[in-house]
Amino acid sequence: MGARLEREIRVFPDPTREAEAAARHLAARARVAVRARGRFSWVLAGGRTPEGLYRLLARRWRSRFPWEATEIFFGDERCVGLRDPESNYAMAQEALLAHVPIPRRRIHRLRGELRPASRAAEEYARLIGPLPPAKASPRFDTVLLGLGPDGHTASLFPGAPAVRERTRTVVAVA
């Protein structure tokens, strides 16, 4: 039987309170995962939406989060260089990863600079591994996603072919 997914919608009066609640929730989930399995696997969201949360975690939660046992993955990446201001990795590095004691080997970057983009997708898919069978436990403890005003999440736009993908874990989106 697969793990039960949490389904709860919470509304906050401002981004600061939202980030504080998200940090508390993430830290609690991380501690539970580390106690149960010795690690916490977290897929980071890209874009600017999570930046406040990442900065808060780096400042106020640095010593209260099991960084040494955390595995970081990325939900999406732009087809840009490692240090490009549009890079999701660059934003996460600047806002969070450079400021917490997470071992570099536990940060699994999607290499957006590779060409063609399908090469980066294939490489990341090999890193993540095959899709788990239906009803299997989730591969990641937490997947953080933002939602754009046009309804997109993780570079998946409504109506785009990638939204209908059912066999690949990672796809290149032009």
C-alpha atoms as a PDB file:
ATOM      1  CA  MET A   1       0.000   0.000   0.000  1.00  0.00           C
ATOM      2  CA  GLY A   2       1.361   3.426  -0.904  1.00  0.00           C
ATOM      3  CA  ALA A   3       1.997   6.228   1.523  1.00  0.00           C
ATOM      4  CA  ARG A   4      -0.906   8.547   2.226  1.00  0.00           C
ATOM      5  CA  LEU A   5      -0.349  11.985   0.748  1.00  0.00           C
ATOM      6  CA  GLU A   6      -1.219  14.988   2.851  1.00  0.00           C
ATOM      7  CA  ARG A   7      -3.960  17.173   1.407  1.00  0.00           C
ATOM      8  CA  GLU A   8      -4.373  20.380   3.313  1.00  0.00           C
ATOM      9  CA  ILE A   9      -4.742  23.924   2.042  1.00  0.00           C
ATOM     10  CA  ARG A  10      -3.630  26.684   4.380  1.00  0.00           C
ATOM     11  CA  VAL A  11      -3.897  30.386   3.654  1.00  0.00           C
ATOM     12  CA  PHE A  12      -1.561  32.945   5.237  1.00  0.00           C
ATOM     13  CA  PRO A  13      -1.959  36.713   5.541  1.00  0.00           C
ATOM     14  CA  ASP A  14       1.490  37.467   4.131  1.00  0.00           C
ATOM     15  CA  PRO A  15       4.601  35.821   2.618  1.00  0.00           C
ATOM     16  CA  THR A  16       6.571  36.085   5.883  1.00  0.00           C
ATOM     17  CA  ARG A  17       4.068  34.021   7.855  1.00  0.00           C
ATOM     18  CA  GLU A  18       3.781  31.598   4.976  1.00  0.00           C
ATOM     19  CA  ALA A  19       7.568  31.094   4.934  1.00  0.00           C
ATOM     20  CA  GLU A  20       7.672  30.615   8.719  1.00  0.00           C
ATOM     21  CA  ALA A  21       4.928  27.974   8.598  1.00  0.00           C
ATOM     22  CA  ALA A  22       6.617  26.224   5.676  1.00  0.00           C
ATOM     23  CA  ALA A  23       9.967  26.200   7.509  1.00  0.00           C
ATOM     24  CA  ARG A  24       8.370  24.664  10.619  1.00  0.00           C
ATOM     25  CA  HIS A  25       6.600  22.053   8.504  1.00  0.00           C
ATOM     26  CA  LEU A  26       9.731  21.172   6.511  1.00  0.00           C
ATOM     27  CA  ALA A  27      11.900  20.886   9.620  1.00  0.00           C
ATOM     28  CA  ALA A  28       9.361  18.616  11.323  1.00  0.00           C
ATOM     29  CA  ARG A  29       9.077  16.373   8.240  1.00  0.00           C
ATOM     30  CA  ALA A  30      12.855  16.286   7.915  1.00  0.00           C
ATOM     31  CA  ARG A  31      13.366  15.199  11.521  1.00  0.00           C
ATOM     32  CA  VAL A  32      10.743  12.440  11.176  1.00  0.00           C
ATOM     33  CA  ALA A  33      12.332  11.168   7.943  1.00  0.00           C
ATOM     34  CA  VAL A  34      15.837  11.185   9.411  1.00  0.00           C
ATOM     35  CA  ARG A  35      14.675   9.274  12.494  1.00  0.00           C
ATOM     36  CA  ALA A  36      12.848   6.723  10.326  1.00  0.00           C
ATOM     37  CA  ARG A  37      15.303   6.261   7.434  1.00  0.00           C
ATOM     38  CA  GLY A  38      18.450   8.195   8.222  1.00  0.00           C
ATOM     39  CA  ARG A  39      17.855  10.793   5.511  1.00  0.00           C
ATOM     40  CA  PHE A  40      15.435  13.451   4.241  1.00  0.00           C
ATOM     41  CA  SER A  41      14.986  13.842   0.487  1.00  0.00           C
ATOM     42  CA  TRP A  42      13.697  17.221  -0.652  1.00  0.00           C
ATOM     43  CA  VAL A  43      12.911  18.497  -4.145  1.00  0.00           C
ATOM     44  CA  LEU A  44      13.371  22.264  -4.296  1.00  0.00           C
ATOM     45  CA  ALA A  45      11.057  24.543  -6.235  1.00  0.00           C
ATOM     46  CA  GLY A  46      12.504  26.970  -8.729  1.00  0.00           C
ATOM     47  CA  GLY A  47      11.595  30.501  -9.671  1.00  0.00           C
ATOM     48  CA  ARG A  48      11.392  33.347  -7.182  1.00  0.00           C
ATOM     49  CA  THR A  49       8.426  32.083  -5.139  1.00  0.00           C
ATOM     50  CA  PRO A  50      10.466  29.992  -2.640  1.00  0.00           C
ATOM     51  CA  GLU A  51      13.345  32.453  -2.211  1.00  0.00           C
ATOM     52  CA  GLY A  52      11.988  33.924   1.047  1.00  0.00           C
ATOM     53  CA  LEU A  53      11.581  30.440   2.520  1.00  0.00           C
ATOM     54  CA  TYR A  54      15.115  29.477   1.510  1.00  0.00           C
ATOM     55  CA  ARG A  55      16.574  32.628   3.090  1.00  0.00           C
ATOM     56  CA  LEU A  56      14.592  32.014   6.288  1.00  0.00           C
ATOM     57  CA  LEU A  57      15.828  28.413   6.486  1.00  0.00           C
ATOM     58  CA  ALA A  58      19.414  29.596   5.987  1.00  0.00           C
ATOM     59  CA  ARG A  59      19.156  32.207   8.745  1.00  0.00           C
ATOM     60  CA  ARG A  60      16.758  31.117  11.449  1.00  0.00           C
ATOM     61  CA  TRP A  61      16.590  27.356  10.861  1.00  0.00           C
ATOM     62  CA  ARG A  62      20.247  26.679  10.097  1.00  0.00           C
ATOM     63  CA  SER A  63      20.874  24.973  13.443  1.00  0.00           C
ATOM     64  CA  ARG A  64      17.422  23.360  13.745  1.00  0.00           C
ATOM     65  CA  PHE A  65      17.361  21.383  10.504  1.00  0.00           C
ATOM     66  CA  PRO A  66      19.122  18.041   9.829  1.00  0.00           C
ATOM     67  CA  TRP A  67      21.163  19.399   6.911  1.00  0.00           C
ATOM     68  CA  GLU A  68      23.846  16.705   7.144  1.00  0.00           C
ATOM     69  CA  ALA A  69      21.206  14.039   6.379  1.00  0.00           C
ATOM     70  CA  THR A  70      19.302  16.011   3.735  1.00  0.00           C
ATOM     71  CA  GLU A  71      19.407  15.092   0.035  1.00  0.00           C
ATOM     72  CA  ILE A  72      18.557  18.006  -2.265  1.00  0.00           C
ATOM     73  CA  PHE A  73      17.046  17.585  -5.728  1.00  0.00           C
ATOM     74  CA  PHE A  74      15.600  20.129  -8.146  1.00  0.00           C
ATOM     75  CA  GLY A  75      12.092  20.084  -9.592  1.00  0.00           C
ATOM     76  CA  ASP A  76      13.167  22.044 -12.651  1.00  0.00           C
ATOM     77  CA  GLU A  77      15.950  24.122 -14.113  1.00  0.00           C
ATOM     78  CA  ARG A  78      16.209  26.668 -16.864  1.00  0.00           C
ATOM     79  CA  CYS A  79      18.460  26.014 -19.863  1.00  0.00           C
ATOM     80  CA  VAL A  80      21.114  28.453 -18.675  1.00  0.00           C
ATOM     81  CA  GLY A  81      24.590  28.339 -17.203  1.00  0.00           C
ATOM     82  CA  LEU A  82      25.380  27.480 -13.610  1.00  0.00           C
ATOM     83  CA  ARG A  83      25.882  31.103 -12.546  1.00  0.00           C
ATOM     84  CA  ASP A  84      23.204  32.701 -14.711  1.00  0.00           C
ATOM     85  CA  PRO A  85      20.804  34.875 -12.655  1.00  0.00           C
ATOM     86  CA  GLU A  86      17.892  32.903 -14.173  1.00  0.00           C
ATOM     87  CA  SER A  87      19.264  29.570 -12.899  1.00  0.00           C
ATOM     88  CA  ASN A  88      17.133  27.909 -10.235  1.00  0.00           C
ATOM     89  CA  TYR A  89      20.279  26.301  -8.855  1.00  0.00           C
ATOM     90  CA  ALA A  90      22.005  29.702  -8.621  1.00  0.00           C
ATOM     91  CA  MET A  91      19.048  31.133  -6.681  1.00  0.00           C
ATOM     92  CA  ALA A  92      18.947  28.146  -4.305  1.00  0.00           C
ATOM     93  CA  GLN A  93      22.713  28.283  -3.848  1.00  0.00           C
ATOM     94  CA  GLU A  94      22.722  32.007  -3.087  1.00  0.00           C
ATOM     95  CA  ALA A  95      19.648  31.994  -0.833  1.00  0.00           C
ATOM     96  CA  LEU A  96      20.104  28.674   0.988  1.00  0.00           C
ATOM     97  CA  LEU A  97      22.683  26.079   0.061  1.00  0.00           C
ATOM     98  CA  ALA A  98      25.808  28.231   0.500  1.00  0.00           C
ATOM     99  CA  HIS A  99      24.702  29.077   4.050  1.00  0.00           C
ATOM    100  CA  VAL A 100      23.842  25.693   5.568  1.00  0.00           C
ATOM    101  CA  PRO A 101      26.074  22.748   6.523  1.00  0.00           C
ATOM    102  CA  ILE A 102      24.838  20.387   3.823  1.00  0.00           C
ATOM    103  CA  PRO A 103      27.484  18.135   2.281  1.00  0.00           C
ATOM    104  CA  ARG A 104      27.994  19.019  -1.407  1.00  0.00           C
ATOM    105  CA  ARG A 105      27.620  15.346  -2.364  1.00  0.00           C
ATOM    106  CA  ARG A 106      23.998  15.547  -1.165  1.00  0.00           C
ATOM    107  CA  ILE A 107      23.095  18.332  -3.615  1.00  0.00           C
ATOM    108  CA  HIS A 108      21.919  16.803  -6.892  1.00  0.00           C
ATOM    109  CA  ARG A 109      21.873  19.578  -9.466  1.00  0.00           C
ATOM    110  CA  LEU A 110      20.038  19.392 -12.779  1.00  0.00           C
ATOM    111  CA  ARG A 111      22.641  20.640 -15.277  1.00  0.00           C
ATOM    112  CA  GLY A 112      20.731  23.242 -17.279  1.00  0.00           C
ATOM    113  CA  GLU A 113      23.835  24.226 -19.221  1.00  0.00           C
ATOM    114  CA  LEU A 114      23.953  20.901 -21.106  1.00  0.00           C
ATOM    115  CA  ARG A 115      22.916  20.915 -24.765  1.00  0.00           C
ATOM    116  CA  PRO A 116      20.641  19.709 -26.038  1.00  0.00           C
ATOM    117  CA  ALA A 117      18.336  20.109 -23.042  1.00  0.00           C
ATOM    118  CA  SER A 118      17.157  16.526 -23.510  1.00  0.00           C
ATOM    119  CA  ARG A 119      20.676  15.427 -22.516  1.00  0.00           C
ATOM    120  CA  ALA A 120      20.311  17.149 -19.127  1.00  0.00           C
ATOM    121  CA  ALA A 121      16.880  15.551 -18.686  1.00  0.00           C
ATOM    122  CA  GLU A 122      18.225  12.082 -19.494  1.00  0.00           C
ATOM    123  CA  GLU A 123      21.168  12.542 -17.116  1.00  0.00           C
ATOM    124  CA  TYR A 124      18.867  13.635 -14.268  1.00  0.00           C
ATOM    125  CA  ALA A 125      16.449  10.793 -14.979  1.00  0.00           C
ATOM    126  CA  ARG A 126      19.328   8.314 -14.574  1.00  0.00           C
ATOM    127  CA  LEU A 127      20.253   9.955 -11.271  1.00  0.00           C
ATOM    128  CA  ILE A 128      16.699   9.762  -9.948  1.00  0.00           C
ATOM    129  CA  GLY A 129      16.030   6.276 -11.304  1.00  0.00           C
ATOM    130  CA  PRO A 130      12.924   4.699 -12.779  1.00  0.00           C
ATOM    131  CA  LEU A 131       9.405   5.599 -11.754  1.00  0.00           C
ATOM    132  CA  PRO A 132       8.243   3.676  -8.707  1.00  0.00           C
ATOM    133  CA  PRO A 133       5.421   1.230  -9.325  1.00  0.00           C
ATOM    134  CA  ALA A 134       1.927   2.592  -8.749  1.00  0.00           C
ATOM    135  CA  LYS A 135       1.009   2.501  -5.055  1.00  0.00           C
ATOM    136  CA  ALA A 136       4.684   2.466  -4.003  1.00  0.00           C
ATOM    137  CA  SER A 137       5.899   4.908  -1.404  1.00  0.00           C
ATOM    138  CA  PRO A 138       6.991   8.277  -2.777  1.00  0.00           C
ATOM    139  CA  ARG A 139      10.613   8.543  -3.831  1.00  0.00           C
ATOM    140  CA  PHE A 140      10.977  11.962  -2.164  1.00  0.00           C
ATOM    141  CA  ASP A 141       9.955  12.987   1.334  1.00  0.00           C
ATOM    142  CA  THR A 142       8.932  16.483   0.239  1.00  0.00           C
ATOM    143  CA  VAL A 143       8.422  18.107  -3.152  1.00  0.00           C
ATOM    144  CA  LEU A 144       8.090  21.872  -2.924  1.00  0.00           C
ATOM    145  CA  LEU A 145       6.216  23.405  -5.858  1.00  0.00           C
ATOM    146  CA  GLY A 146       5.304  26.941  -6.761  1.00  0.00           C
ATOM    147  CA  LEU A 147       2.354  27.900  -8.927  1.00  0.00           C
ATOM    148  CA  GLY A 148       2.622  30.592 -11.579  1.00  0.00           C
ATOM    149  CA  PRO A 149      -0.209  32.996 -12.407  1.00  0.00           C
ATOM    150  CA  ASP A 150      -0.773  31.068 -15.648  1.00  0.00           C
ATOM    151  CA  GLY A 151      -1.121  27.776 -13.766  1.00  0.00           C
ATOM    152  CA  HIS A 152       2.353  26.398 -14.489  1.00  0.00           C
ATOM    153  CA  THR A 153       4.439  24.502 -11.969  1.00  0.00           C
ATOM    154  CA  ALA A 154       7.989  23.168 -12.387  1.00  0.00           C
ATOM    155  CA  SER A 155       8.082  24.445 -16.001  1.00  0.00           C
ATOM    156  CA  LEU A 156       4.971  22.404 -16.795  1.00  0.00           C
ATOM    157  CA  PHE A 157       2.482  24.700 -18.499  1.00  0.00           C
ATOM    158  CA  PRO A 158      -1.207  23.845 -18.907  1.00  0.00           C
ATOM    159  CA  GLY A 159      -1.823  22.116 -22.239  1.00  0.00           C
ATOM    160  CA  ALA A 160       1.866  21.501 -23.012  1.00  0.00           C
ATOM    161  CA  PRO A 161       2.859  17.995 -24.212  1.00  0.00           C
ATOM    162  CA  ALA A 162       5.092  17.452 -21.154  1.00  0.00           C
ATOM    163  CA  VAL A 163       2.020  17.542 -18.896  1.00  0.00           C
ATOM    164  CA  ARG A 164       0.795  14.332 -20.541  1.00  0.00           C
ATOM    165  CA  GLU A 165       4.106  12.496 -20.054  1.00  0.00           C
ATOM    166  CA  ARG A 166       3.553   9.191 -18.223  1.00  0.00           C
ATOM    167  CA  THR A 167       6.748   7.176 -18.671  1.00  0.00           C
ATOM    168  CA  ARG A 168       9.730   9.491 -18.126  1.00  0.00           C
ATOM    169  CA  THR A 169      10.646  10.972 -14.754  1.00  0.00           C
ATOM    170  CA  VAL A 170      12.376  14.009 -16.295  1.00  0.00           C
ATOM    171  CA  VAL A 171      11.528  15.779 -19.549  1.00  0.00           C
ATOM    172  CA  ALA A 172      13.101  18.690 -21.390  1.00  0.00           C
ATOM    173  CA  VAL A 173      10.670  21.550 -21.956  1.00  0.00           C
ATOM    174  CA  ALA A 174      11.435  24.150 -24.610  1.00  0.00           C
END
